Amino acid sequence: MPVPWLINLGVRGRAPRRNPGFLPTNSAEDPGIKQFAASVRRHWGIENTLHWCLDVTFREDESRVRNRILADNIAWLKRFAISLLKQVNDKESIAMPRRMAGWNPAYLFKVLQIPA
């Protein structure tokens, strides 16, 4: 059974908030541990597929966009571009079709599913 714990989050000049959380016990038979491990694996599965692809293909970690709204819009466009590139039935990585779409308008139309 998970053991409840509390953390205090304070901001300068304000009283700290109390956020309830749960910390699993050390028992290996506890179903909470298995559920926690499964959720951690799901999180890292997302990190390893989408975020890693964004970092490698679009060099997202090196982005110098500081305007929050612009950064959100560019991030959405990058995720949308990756979803379009994954729909193309090529055996290439994501980076190569992205380059090919920039070099070849016919291939860009294929990615965008526009009849040429």
PDB file of N, CA and C in Angstrom:
ATOM      1  N   MET A   1       0.853  -1.184   0.000  1.00  0.00           N
ATOM      2  CA  MET A   1       0.000   0.000   0.000  1.00  0.00           C
ATOM      3  C   MET A   1       0.891   1.237   0.000  1.00  0.00           C
ATOM      4  N   PRO A   2       0.589   2.212  -0.852  1.00  0.00           N
ATOM      5  CA  PRO A   2       1.413   3.421  -0.897  1.00  0.00           C
ATOM      6  C   PRO A   2       1.350   4.197   0.409  1.00  0.00           C
ATOM      7  N   VAL A   3       2.459   4.819   0.724  1.00  0.00           N
ATOM      8  CA  VAL A   3       2.566   5.626   1.934  1.00  0.00           C
ATOM      9  C   VAL A   3       2.418   7.089   1.535  1.00  0.00           C
ATOM     10  N   PRO A   4       1.443   7.804   2.091  1.00  0.00           N
ATOM     11  CA  PRO A   4       1.283   9.209   1.710  1.00  0.00           C
ATOM     12  C   PRO A   4       2.433  10.061   2.244  1.00  0.00           C
ATOM     13  N   TRP A   5       2.812  11.043   1.489  1.00  0.00           N
ATOM     14  CA  TRP A   5       3.832  12.000   1.905  1.00  0.00           C
ATOM     15  C   TRP A   5       3.414  13.367   1.408  1.00  0.00           C
ATOM     16  N   LEU A   6       3.980  14.387   1.968  1.00  0.00           N
ATOM     17  CA  LEU A   6       3.652  15.760   1.594  1.00  0.00           C
ATOM     18  C   LEU A   6       4.928  16.496   1.244  1.00  0.00           C
ATOM     19  N   ILE A   7       4.834  17.356   0.237  1.00  0.00           N
ATOM     20  CA  ILE A   7       5.962  18.228  -0.072  1.00  0.00           C
ATOM     21  C   ILE A   7       5.487  19.664   0.027  1.00  0.00           C
ATOM     22  N   ASN A   8       6.376  20.526   0.415  1.00  0.00           N
ATOM     23  CA  ASN A   8       6.073  21.950   0.514  1.00  0.00           C
ATOM     24  C   ASN A   8       6.701  22.664  -0.668  1.00  0.00           C
ATOM     25  N   LEU A   9       5.906  23.397  -1.413  1.00  0.00           N
ATOM     26  CA  LEU A   9       6.399  24.195  -2.522  1.00  0.00           C
ATOM     27  C   LEU A   9       6.236  25.657  -2.170  1.00  0.00           C
ATOM     28  N   GLY A  10       7.326  26.334  -1.979  1.00  0.00           N
ATOM     29  CA  GLY A  10       7.267  27.736  -1.612  1.00  0.00           C
ATOM     30  C   GLY A  10       7.760  28.612  -2.744  1.00  0.00           C
ATOM     31  N   VAL A  11       7.128  29.757  -2.903  1.00  0.00           N
ATOM     32  CA  VAL A  11       7.554  30.752  -3.869  1.00  0.00           C
ATOM     33  C   VAL A  11       7.942  31.984  -3.073  1.00  0.00           C
ATOM     34  N   ARG A  12       8.922  32.695  -3.539  1.00  0.00           N
ATOM     35  CA  ARG A  12       9.420  33.859  -2.790  1.00  0.00           C
ATOM     36  C   ARG A  12       8.289  34.755  -2.287  1.00  0.00           C
ATOM     37  N   GLY A  13       8.274  34.983  -1.014  1.00  0.00           N
ATOM     38  CA  GLY A  13       7.314  35.908  -0.426  1.00  0.00           C
ATOM     39  C   GLY A  13       5.931  35.329  -0.209  1.00  0.00           C
ATOM     40  N   ARG A  14       5.705  34.081  -0.580  1.00  0.00           N
ATOM     41  CA  ARG A  14       4.383  33.475  -0.392  1.00  0.00           C
ATOM     42  C   ARG A  14       4.501  32.283   0.548  1.00  0.00           C
ATOM     43  N   ALA A  15       3.362  31.941   1.122  1.00  0.00           N
ATOM     44  CA  ALA A  15       3.333  30.768   1.993  1.00  0.00           C
ATOM     45  C   ALA A  15       3.445  29.508   1.134  1.00  0.00           C
ATOM     46  N   PRO A  16       4.137  28.498   1.638  1.00  0.00           N
ATOM     47  CA  PRO A  16       4.269  27.268   0.849  1.00  0.00           C
ATOM     48  C   PRO A  16       2.939  26.537   0.701  1.00  0.00           C
ATOM     49  N   ARG A  17       2.763  25.883  -0.435  1.00  0.00           N
ATOM     50  CA  ARG A  17       1.588  25.043  -0.669  1.00  0.00           C
ATOM     51  C   ARG A  17       1.934  23.625  -0.254  1.00  0.00           C
ATOM     52  N   ARG A  18       0.931  22.870   0.076  1.00  0.00           N
ATOM     53  CA  ARG A  18       1.149  21.465   0.399  1.00  0.00           C
ATOM     54  C   ARG A  18       0.519  20.640  -0.705  1.00  0.00           C
ATOM     55  N   ASN A  19       1.324  19.829  -1.347  1.00  0.00           N
ATOM     56  CA  ASN A  19       0.841  18.944  -2.410  1.00  0.00           C
ATOM     57  C   ASN A  19       0.883  17.509  -1.918  1.00  0.00           C
ATOM     58  N   PRO A  20      -0.255  16.839  -1.908  1.00  0.00           N
ATOM     59  CA  PRO A  20      -0.227  15.436  -1.501  1.00  0.00           C
ATOM     60  C   PRO A  20       0.377  14.586  -2.612  1.00  0.00           C
ATOM     61  N   GLY A  21       1.117  13.581  -2.237  1.00  0.00           N
ATOM     62  CA  GLY A  21       1.685  12.648  -3.184  1.00  0.00           C
ATOM     63  C   GLY A  21       1.735  11.286  -2.547  1.00  0.00           C
ATOM     64  N   PHE A  22       2.168  10.302  -3.290  1.00  0.00           N
ATOM     65  CA  PHE A  22       2.257   8.961  -2.754  1.00  0.00           C
ATOM     66  C   PHE A  22       3.612   8.375  -3.091  1.00  0.00           C
ATOM     67  N   LEU A  23       4.218   7.762  -2.108  1.00  0.00           N
ATOM     68  CA  LEU A  23       5.500   7.103  -2.267  1.00  0.00           C
ATOM     69  C   LEU A  23       5.271   5.625  -2.005  1.00  0.00           C
ATOM     70  N   PRO A  24       5.579   4.737  -2.957  1.00  0.00           N
ATOM     71  CA  PRO A  24       5.306   3.320  -2.732  1.00  0.00           C
ATOM     72  C   PRO A  24       6.192   2.747  -1.638  1.00  0.00           C
ATOM     73  N   THR A  25       5.697   1.706  -0.981  1.00  0.00           N
ATOM     74  CA  THR A  25       6.484   1.032   0.046  1.00  0.00           C
ATOM     75  C   THR A  25       7.548   0.170  -0.620  1.00  0.00           C
ATOM     76  N   ASN A  26       8.401  -0.443   0.180  1.00  0.00           N
ATOM     77  CA  ASN A  26       9.506  -1.236  -0.345  1.00  0.00           C
ATOM     78  C   ASN A  26       9.125  -2.658  -0.691  1.00  0.00           C
ATOM     79  N   SER A  27       7.918  -3.076  -0.433  1.00  0.00           N
ATOM     80  CA  SER A  27       7.507  -4.452  -0.677  1.00  0.00           C
ATOM     81  C   SER A  27       7.444  -4.744  -2.177  1.00  0.00           C
ATOM     82  N   ALA A  28       8.103  -5.822  -2.604  1.00  0.00           N
ATOM     83  CA  ALA A  28       8.105  -6.189  -4.030  1.00  0.00           C
ATOM     84  C   ALA A  28       6.755  -6.746  -4.452  1.00  0.00           C
ATOM     85  N   GLU A  29       5.984  -7.284  -3.510  1.00  0.00           N
ATOM     86  CA  GLU A  29       4.677  -7.845  -3.851  1.00  0.00           C
ATOM     87  C   GLU A  29       3.595  -6.772  -3.964  1.00  0.00           C
ATOM     88  N   ASP A  30       3.902  -5.564  -3.576  1.00  0.00           N
ATOM     89  CA  ASP A  30       2.927  -4.477  -3.588  1.00  0.00           C
ATOM     90  C   ASP A  30       2.524  -4.162  -5.029  1.00  0.00           C
ATOM     91  N   PRO A  31       1.224  -4.229  -5.360  1.00  0.00           N
ATOM     92  CA  PRO A  31       0.819  -3.918  -6.735  1.00  0.00           C
ATOM     93  C   PRO A  31       1.096  -2.465  -7.113  1.00  0.00           C
ATOM     94  N   GLY A  32       1.247  -1.588  -6.121  1.00  0.00           N
ATOM     95  CA  GLY A  32       1.560  -0.195  -6.407  1.00  0.00           C
ATOM     96  C   GLY A  32       2.932  -0.035  -7.043  1.00  0.00           C
ATOM     97  N   ILE A  33       3.878  -0.887  -6.630  1.00  0.00           N
ATOM     98  CA  ILE A  33       5.232  -0.845  -7.199  1.00  0.00           C
ATOM     99  C   ILE A  33       5.175  -1.228  -8.679  1.00  0.00           C
ATOM    100  N   LYS A  34       4.431  -2.281  -8.990  1.00  0.00           N
ATOM    101  CA  LYS A  34       4.328  -2.726 -10.392  1.00  0.00           C
ATOM    102  C   LYS A  34       3.642  -1.666 -11.244  1.00  0.00           C
ATOM    103  N   GLN A  35       2.618  -1.039 -10.699  1.00  0.00           N
ATOM    104  CA  GLN A  35       1.908   0.015 -11.419  1.00  0.00           C
ATOM    105  C   GLN A  35       2.825   1.221 -11.622  1.00  0.00           C
ATOM    106  N   PHE A  36       3.585   1.556 -10.597  1.00  0.00           N
ATOM    107  CA  PHE A  36       4.527   2.673 -10.698  1.00  0.00           C
ATOM    108  C   PHE A  36       5.591   2.381 -11.755  1.00  0.00           C
ATOM    109  N   ALA A  37       6.137   1.159 -11.744  1.00  0.00           N
ATOM    110  CA  ALA A  37       7.161   0.775 -12.724  1.00  0.00           C
ATOM    111  C   ALA A  37       6.596   0.817 -14.140  1.00  0.00           C
ATOM    112  N   ALA A  38       5.353   0.366 -14.309  1.00  0.00           N
ATOM    113  CA  ALA A  38       4.734   0.398 -15.637  1.00  0.00           C
ATOM    114  C   ALA A  38       4.550   1.838 -16.112  1.00  0.00           C
ATOM    115  N   SER A  39       4.157   2.737 -15.210  1.00  0.00           N
ATOM    116  CA  SER A  39       3.971   4.132 -15.616  1.00  0.00           C
ATOM    117  C   SER A  39       5.309   4.785 -15.956  1.00  0.00           C
ATOM    118  N   VAL A  40       6.371   4.428 -15.232  1.00  0.00           N
ATOM    119  CA  VAL A  40       7.705   4.962 -15.545  1.00  0.00           C
ATOM    120  C   VAL A  40       8.153   4.468 -16.917  1.00  0.00           C
ATOM    121  N   ARG A  41       7.930   3.174 -17.211  1.00  0.00           N
ATOM    122  CA  ARG A  41       8.300   2.640 -18.530  1.00  0.00           C
ATOM    123  C   ARG A  41       7.504   3.315 -19.640  1.00  0.00           C
ATOM    124  N   ARG A  42       6.208   3.578 -19.400  1.00  0.00           N
ATOM    125  CA  ARG A  42       5.403   4.289 -20.416  1.00  0.00           C
ATOM    126  C   ARG A  42       5.953   5.680 -20.668  1.00  0.00           C
ATOM    127  N   HIS A  43       6.316   6.375 -19.587  1.00  0.00           N
ATOM    128  CA  HIS A  43       6.865   7.721 -19.735  1.00  0.00           C
ATOM    129  C   HIS A  43       8.136   7.694 -20.574  1.00  0.00           C
ATOM    130  N   TRP A  44       9.048   6.782 -20.245  1.00  0.00           N
ATOM    131  CA  TRP A  44      10.311   6.737 -20.979  1.00  0.00           C
ATOM    132  C   TRP A  44      10.111   6.202 -22.389  1.00  0.00           C
ATOM    133  N   GLY A  45       9.056   5.430 -22.626  1.00  0.00           N
ATOM    134  CA  GLY A  45       8.738   5.010 -23.993  1.00  0.00           C
ATOM    135  C   GLY A  45       8.385   6.210 -24.851  1.00  0.00           C
ATOM    136  N   ILE A  46       7.616   7.127 -24.289  1.00  0.00           N
ATOM    137  CA  ILE A  46       7.285   8.364 -25.008  1.00  0.00           C
ATOM    138  C   ILE A  46       8.534   9.198 -25.204  1.00  0.00           C
ATOM    139  N   GLU A  47       9.351   9.316 -24.163  1.00  0.00           N
ATOM    140  CA  GLU A  47      10.584  10.098 -24.261  1.00  0.00           C
ATOM    141  C   GLU A  47      11.492   9.541 -25.342  1.00  0.00           C
ATOM    142  N   ASN A  48      11.606   8.231 -25.392  1.00  0.00           N
ATOM    143  CA  ASN A  48      12.528   7.617 -26.338  1.00  0.00           C
ATOM    144  C   ASN A  48      12.013   7.624 -27.768  1.00  0.00           C
ATOM    145  N   THR A  49      10.723   7.731 -27.980  1.00  0.00           N
ATOM    146  CA  THR A  49      10.218   7.739 -29.355  1.00  0.00           C
ATOM    147  C   THR A  49      10.045   9.166 -29.871  1.00  0.00           C
ATOM    148  N   LEU A  50       9.173   9.927 -29.264  1.00  0.00           N
ATOM    149  CA  LEU A  50       8.872  11.259 -29.798  1.00  0.00           C
ATOM    150  C   LEU A  50       9.945  12.279 -29.451  1.00  0.00           C
ATOM    151  N   HIS A  51      10.279  12.424 -28.190  1.00  0.00           N
ATOM    152  CA  HIS A  51      11.195  13.491 -27.798  1.00  0.00           C
ATOM    153  C   HIS A  51      12.600  13.266 -28.345  1.00  0.00           C
ATOM    154  N   TRP A  52      13.047  12.014 -28.356  1.00  0.00           N
ATOM    155  CA  TRP A  52      14.364  11.732 -28.911  1.00  0.00           C
ATOM    156  C   TRP A  52      14.372  12.067 -30.400  1.00  0.00           C
ATOM    157  N   CYS A  53      13.294  11.726 -31.087  1.00  0.00           N
ATOM    158  CA  CYS A  53      13.188  12.023 -32.517  1.00  0.00           C
ATOM    159  C   CYS A  53      13.197  13.534 -32.751  1.00  0.00           C
ATOM    160  N   LEU A  54      12.505  14.278 -31.916  1.00  0.00           N
ATOM    161  CA  LEU A  54      12.521  15.733 -32.044  1.00  0.00           C
ATOM    162  C   LEU A  54      13.917  16.294 -31.801  1.00  0.00           C
ATOM    163  N   ASP A  55      14.606  15.751 -30.812  1.00  0.00           N
ATOM    164  CA  ASP A  55      15.950  16.238 -30.499  1.00  0.00           C
ATOM    165  C   ASP A  55      16.921  15.947 -31.631  1.00  0.00           C
ATOM    166  N   VAL A  56      16.857  14.745 -32.193  1.00  0.00           N
ATOM    167  CA  VAL A  56      17.806  14.355 -33.223  1.00  0.00           C
ATOM    168  C   VAL A  56      17.457  14.974 -34.574  1.00  0.00           C
ATOM    169  N   THR A  57      16.199  14.894 -34.966  1.00  0.00           N
ATOM    170  CA  THR A  57      15.794  15.346 -36.298  1.00  0.00           C
ATOM    171  C   THR A  57      15.765  16.868 -36.406  1.00  0.00           C
ATOM    172  N   PHE A  58      15.168  17.521 -35.434  1.00  0.00           N
ATOM    173  CA  PHE A  58      14.995  18.973 -35.501  1.00  0.00           C
ATOM    174  C   PHE A  58      15.925  19.730 -34.563  1.00  0.00           C
ATOM    175  N   ARG A  59      16.807  19.016 -33.860  1.00  0.00           N
ATOM    176  CA  ARG A  59      17.738  19.633 -32.905  1.00  0.00           C
ATOM    177  C   ARG A  59      16.988  20.570 -31.944  1.00  0.00           C
ATOM    178  N   GLU A  60      15.927  20.036 -31.380  1.00  0.00           N
ATOM    179  CA  GLU A  60      15.043  20.850 -30.545  1.00  0.00           C
ATOM    180  C   GLU A  60      15.737  21.365 -29.280  1.00  0.00           C
ATOM    181  N   ASP A  61      16.681  20.603 -28.752  1.00  0.00           N
ATOM    182  CA  ASP A  61      17.383  21.065 -27.547  1.00  0.00           C
ATOM    183  C   ASP A  61      18.217  22.306 -27.813  1.00  0.00           C
ATOM    184  N   GLU A  62      18.581  22.537 -29.069  1.00  0.00           N
ATOM    185  CA  GLU A  62      19.393  23.697 -29.416  1.00  0.00           C
ATOM    186  C   GLU A  62      18.548  24.903 -29.851  1.00  0.00           C
ATOM    187  N   SER A  63      17.240  24.789 -29.731  1.00  0.00           N
ATOM    188  CA  SER A  63      16.351  25.869 -30.149  1.00  0.00           C
ATOM    189  C   SER A  63      16.604  27.119 -29.304  1.00  0.00           C
ATOM    190  N   ARG A  64      16.660  28.259 -29.958  1.00  0.00           N
ATOM    191  CA  ARG A  64      16.912  29.513 -29.249  1.00  0.00           C
ATOM    192  C   ARG A  64      15.675  30.403 -29.211  1.00  0.00           C
ATOM    193  N   VAL A  65      14.510  29.822 -29.482  1.00  0.00           N
ATOM    194  CA  VAL A  65      13.261  30.573 -29.439  1.00  0.00           C
ATOM    195  C   VAL A  65      12.919  30.846 -27.982  1.00  0.00           C
ATOM    196  N   ARG A  66      12.704  32.089 -27.651  1.00  0.00           N
ATOM    197  CA  ARG A  66      12.433  32.471 -26.262  1.00  0.00           C
ATOM    198  C   ARG A  66      10.979  32.889 -26.036  1.00  0.00           C
ATOM    199  N   ASN A  67      10.286  33.279 -27.085  1.00  0.00           N
ATOM    200  CA  ASN A  67       8.882  33.654 -26.959  1.00  0.00           C
ATOM    201  C   ASN A  67       8.068  32.380 -26.747  1.00  0.00           C
ATOM    202  N   ARG A  68       7.323  32.295 -25.652  1.00  0.00           N
ATOM    203  CA  ARG A  68       6.617  31.073 -25.276  1.00  0.00           C
ATOM    204  C   ARG A  68       5.569  30.664 -26.300  1.00  0.00           C
ATOM    205  N   ILE A  69       4.804  31.604 -26.820  1.00  0.00           N
ATOM    206  CA  ILE A  69       3.764  31.279 -27.796  1.00  0.00           C
ATOM    207  C   ILE A  69       4.397  30.766 -29.086  1.00  0.00           C
ATOM    208  N   LEU A  70       5.456  31.430 -29.536  1.00  0.00           N
ATOM    209  CA  LEU A  70       6.163  30.994 -30.738  1.00  0.00           C
ATOM    210  C   LEU A  70       6.770  29.611 -30.528  1.00  0.00           C
ATOM    211  N   ALA A  71       7.359  29.374 -29.368  1.00  0.00           N
ATOM    212  CA  ALA A  71       7.954  28.068 -29.073  1.00  0.00           C
ATOM    213  C   ALA A  71       6.899  26.961 -29.095  1.00  0.00           C
ATOM    214  N   ASP A  72       5.720  27.231 -28.541  1.00  0.00           N
ATOM    215  CA  ASP A  72       4.629  26.251 -28.568  1.00  0.00           C
ATOM    216  C   ASP A  72       4.187  25.965 -29.995  1.00  0.00           C
ATOM    217  N   ASN A  73       4.064  27.013 -30.806  1.00  0.00           N
ATOM    218  CA  ASN A  73       3.642  26.827 -32.197  1.00  0.00           C
ATOM    219  C   ASN A  73       4.670  26.042 -33.005  1.00  0.00           C
ATOM    220  N   ILE A  74       5.937  26.348 -32.812  1.00  0.00           N
ATOM    221  CA  ILE A  74       6.986  25.629 -33.538  1.00  0.00           C
ATOM    222  C   ILE A  74       7.034  24.174 -33.083  1.00  0.00           C
ATOM    223  N   ALA A  75       6.877  23.927 -31.792  1.00  0.00           N
ATOM    224  CA  ALA A  75       6.865  22.555 -31.286  1.00  0.00           C
ATOM    225  C   ALA A  75       5.699  21.778 -31.884  1.00  0.00           C
ATOM    226  N   TRP A  76       4.526  22.406 -31.989  1.00  0.00           N
ATOM    227  CA  TRP A  76       3.378  21.748 -32.615  1.00  0.00           C
ATOM    228  C   TRP A  76       3.675  21.423 -34.072  1.00  0.00           C
ATOM    229  N   LEU A  77       4.251  22.359 -34.809  1.00  0.00           N
ATOM    230  CA  LEU A  77       4.577  22.113 -36.215  1.00  0.00           C
ATOM    231  C   LEU A  77       5.579  20.970 -36.367  1.00  0.00           C
ATOM    232  N   LYS A  78       6.557  20.903 -35.486  1.00  0.00           N
ATOM    233  CA  LYS A  78       7.545  19.824 -35.550  1.00  0.00           C
ATOM    234  C   LYS A  78       6.896  18.471 -35.282  1.00  0.00           C
ATOM    235  N   ARG A  79       6.014  18.397 -34.283  1.00  0.00           N
ATOM    236  CA  ARG A  79       5.315  17.136 -34.008  1.00  0.00           C
ATOM    237  C   ARG A  79       4.415  16.748 -35.167  1.00  0.00           C
ATOM    238  N   PHE A  80       3.774  17.730 -35.789  1.00  0.00           N
ATOM    239  CA  PHE A  80       2.914  17.473 -36.944  1.00  0.00           C
ATOM    240  C   PHE A  80       3.753  16.963 -38.121  1.00  0.00           C
ATOM    241  N   ALA A  81       4.909  17.567 -38.341  1.00  0.00           N
ATOM    242  CA  ALA A  81       5.797  17.134 -39.417  1.00  0.00           C
ATOM    243  C   ALA A  81       6.274  15.707 -39.188  1.00  0.00           C
ATOM    244  N   ILE A  82       6.600  15.352 -37.952  1.00  0.00           N
ATOM    245  CA  ILE A  82       7.031  13.990 -37.668  1.00  0.00           C
ATOM    246  C   ILE A  82       5.906  13.005 -37.934  1.00  0.00           C
ATOM    247  N   SER A  83       4.685  13.367 -37.572  1.00  0.00           N
ATOM    248  CA  SER A  83       3.562  12.459 -37.821  1.00  0.00           C
ATOM    249  C   SER A  83       3.341  12.270 -39.324  1.00  0.00           C
ATOM    250  N   LEU A  84       3.510  13.320 -40.118  1.00  0.00           N
ATOM    251  CA  LEU A  84       3.384  13.179 -41.571  1.00  0.00           C
ATOM    252  C   LEU A  84       4.517  12.326 -42.141  1.00  0.00           C
ATOM    253  N   LEU A  85       5.731  12.532 -41.657  1.00  0.00           N
ATOM    254  CA  LEU A  85       6.874  11.767 -42.155  1.00  0.00           C
ATOM    255  C   LEU A  85       6.771  10.292 -41.792  1.00  0.00           C
ATOM    256  N   LYS A  86       6.195   9.979 -40.649  1.00  0.00           N
ATOM    257  CA  LYS A  86       6.037   8.577 -40.250  1.00  0.00           C
ATOM    258  C   LYS A  86       4.996   7.860 -41.098  1.00  0.00           C
ATOM    259  N   GLN A  87       4.088   8.593 -41.730  1.00  0.00           N
ATOM    260  CA  GLN A  87       3.054   7.976 -42.552  1.00  0.00           C
ATOM    261  C   GLN A  87       3.563   7.575 -43.931  1.00  0.00           C
ATOM    262  N   VAL A  88       4.708   8.085 -44.344  1.00  0.00           N
ATOM    263  CA  VAL A  88       5.287   7.719 -45.629  1.00  0.00           C
ATOM    264  C   VAL A  88       5.899   6.333 -45.485  1.00  0.00           C
ATOM    265  N   ASN A  89       5.590   5.446 -46.410  1.00  0.00           N
ATOM    266  CA  ASN A  89       6.057   4.065 -46.307  1.00  0.00           C
ATOM    267  C   ASN A  89       7.448   3.912 -46.895  1.00  0.00           C
ATOM    268  N   ASP A  90       8.414   4.538 -46.279  1.00  0.00           N
ATOM    269  CA  ASP A  90       9.814   4.389 -46.669  1.00  0.00           C
ATOM    270  C   ASP A  90      10.541   3.683 -45.536  1.00  0.00           C
ATOM    271  N   LYS A  91      11.670   3.092 -45.868  1.00  0.00           N
ATOM    272  CA  LYS A  91      12.466   2.422 -44.840  1.00  0.00           C
ATOM    273  C   LYS A  91      13.539   3.345 -44.283  1.00  0.00           C
ATOM    274  N   GLU A  92      13.435   4.607 -44.584  1.00  0.00           N
ATOM    275  CA  GLU A  92      14.411   5.594 -44.118  1.00  0.00           C
ATOM    276  C   GLU A  92      14.079   6.013 -42.683  1.00  0.00           C
ATOM    277  N   SER A  93      15.039   6.650 -42.044  1.00  0.00           N
ATOM    278  CA  SER A  93      14.778   7.252 -40.737  1.00  0.00           C
ATOM    279  C   SER A  93      13.893   8.477 -40.943  1.00  0.00           C
ATOM    280  N   ILE A  94      13.602   9.187 -39.892  1.00  0.00           N
ATOM    281  CA  ILE A  94      12.786  10.406 -40.013  1.00  0.00           C
ATOM    282  C   ILE A  94      13.621  11.546 -40.593  1.00  0.00           C
ATOM    283  N   ALA A  95      14.896  11.590 -40.291  1.00  0.00           N
ATOM    284  CA  ALA A  95      15.743  12.704 -40.735  1.00  0.00           C
ATOM    285  C   ALA A  95      15.899  12.720 -42.250  1.00  0.00           C
ATOM    286  N   MET A  96      16.084  11.570 -42.857  1.00  0.00           N
ATOM    287  CA  MET A  96      16.317  11.540 -44.308  1.00  0.00           C
ATOM    288  C   MET A  96      15.077  11.956 -45.107  1.00  0.00           C
ATOM    289  N   PRO A  97      13.872  11.446 -44.811  1.00  0.00           N
ATOM    290  CA  PRO A  97      12.698  11.946 -45.538  1.00  0.00           C
ATOM    291  C   PRO A  97      12.474  13.451 -45.350  1.00  0.00           C
ATOM    292  N   ARG A  98      12.844  13.973 -44.181  1.00  0.00           N
ATOM    293  CA  ARG A  98      12.703  15.424 -43.965  1.00  0.00           C
ATOM    294  C   ARG A  98      13.610  16.174 -44.919  1.00  0.00           C
ATOM    295  N   ARG A  99      14.843  15.702 -45.059  1.00  0.00           N
ATOM    296  CA  ARG A  99      15.766  16.334 -46.005  1.00  0.00           C
ATOM    297  C   ARG A  99      15.283  16.175 -47.444  1.00  0.00           C
ATOM    298  N   MET A 100      14.816  14.964 -47.766  1.00  0.00           N
ATOM    299  CA  MET A 100      14.348  14.710 -49.128  1.00  0.00           C
ATOM    300  C   MET A 100      13.149  15.589 -49.485  1.00  0.00           C
ATOM    301  N   ALA A 101      12.275  15.858 -48.505  1.00  0.00           N
ATOM    302  CA  ALA A 101      11.125  16.733 -48.754  1.00  0.00           C
ATOM    303  C   ALA A 101      11.581  18.162 -49.019  1.00  0.00           C
ATOM    304  N   GLY A 102      12.694  18.559 -48.421  1.00  0.00           N
ATOM    305  CA  GLY A 102      13.233  19.887 -48.695  1.00  0.00           C
ATOM    306  C   GLY A 102      13.919  19.977 -50.046  1.00  0.00           C
ATOM    307  N   TRP A 103      14.485  18.870 -50.517  1.00  0.00           N
ATOM    308  CA  TRP A 103      15.210  18.869 -51.789  1.00  0.00           C
ATOM    309  C   TRP A 103      14.314  18.626 -52.987  1.00  0.00           C
ATOM    310  N   ASN A 104      13.258  17.817 -52.820  1.00  0.00           N
ATOM    311  CA  ASN A 104      12.467  17.344 -53.949  1.00  0.00           C
ATOM    312  C   ASN A 104      10.996  17.705 -53.744  1.00  0.00           C
ATOM    313  N   PRO A 105      10.456  18.616 -54.549  1.00  0.00           N
ATOM    314  CA  PRO A 105       9.042  18.997 -54.385  1.00  0.00           C
ATOM    315  C   PRO A 105       8.083  17.820 -54.588  1.00  0.00           C
ATOM    316  N   ALA A 106       8.414  16.887 -55.483  1.00  0.00           N
ATOM    317  CA  ALA A 106       7.533  15.733 -55.696  1.00  0.00           C
ATOM    318  C   ALA A 106       7.451  14.874 -54.429  1.00  0.00           C
ATOM    319  N   TYR A 107       8.582  14.708 -53.749  1.00  0.00           N
ATOM    320  CA  TYR A 107       8.587  13.949 -52.506  1.00  0.00           C
ATOM    321  C   TYR A 107       7.834  14.710 -51.407  1.00  0.00           C
ATOM    322  N   LEU A 108       7.948  16.033 -51.391  1.00  0.00           N
ATOM    323  CA  LEU A 108       7.194  16.850 -50.433  1.00  0.00           C
ATOM    324  C   LEU A 108       5.695  16.653 -50.639  1.00  0.00           C
ATOM    325  N   PHE A 109       5.251  16.624 -51.901  1.00  0.00           N
ATOM    326  CA  PHE A 109       3.833  16.385 -52.183  1.00  0.00           C
ATOM    327  C   PHE A 109       3.418  14.997 -51.712  1.00  0.00           C
ATOM    328  N   LYS A 110       4.318  14.012 -51.836  1.00  0.00           N
ATOM    329  CA  LYS A 110       4.030  12.667 -51.355  1.00  0.00           C
ATOM    330  C   LYS A 110       3.858  12.676 -49.836  1.00  0.00           C
ATOM    331  N   VAL A 111       4.729  13.392 -49.119  1.00  0.00           N
ATOM    332  CA  VAL A 111       4.627  13.473 -47.660  1.00  0.00           C
ATOM    333  C   VAL A 111       3.339  14.176 -47.256  1.00  0.00           C
ATOM    334  N   LEU A 112       3.011  15.253 -47.953  1.00  0.00           N
ATOM    335  CA  LEU A 112       1.809  16.028 -47.630  1.00  0.00           C
ATOM    336  C   LEU A 112       0.544  15.388 -48.178  1.00  0.00           C
ATOM    337  N   GLN A 113       0.694  14.273 -48.921  1.00  0.00           N
ATOM    338  CA  GLN A 113      -0.420  13.544 -49.524  1.00  0.00           C
ATOM    339  C   GLN A 113      -1.211  14.431 -50.471  1.00  0.00           C
ATOM    340  N   ILE A 114      -0.484  15.215 -51.267  1.00  0.00           N
ATOM    341  CA  ILE A 114      -1.092  16.070 -52.295  1.00  0.00           C
ATOM    342  C   ILE A 114      -0.803  15.422 -53.640  1.00  0.00           C
ATOM    343  N   PRO A 115      -1.821  15.182 -54.462  1.00  0.00           N
ATOM    344  CA  PRO A 115      -1.531  14.602 -55.793  1.00  0.00           C
ATOM    345  C   PRO A 115      -0.714  15.566 -56.631  1.00  0.00           C
ATOM    346  N   ALA A 116       0.341  15.038 -57.253  1.00  0.00           N
ATOM    347  CA  ALA A 116       1.218  15.890 -58.056  1.00  0.00           C
ATOM    348  C   ALA A 116       0.743  16.005 -59.479  1.00  0.00           C
TER     349      ALA A 116
END
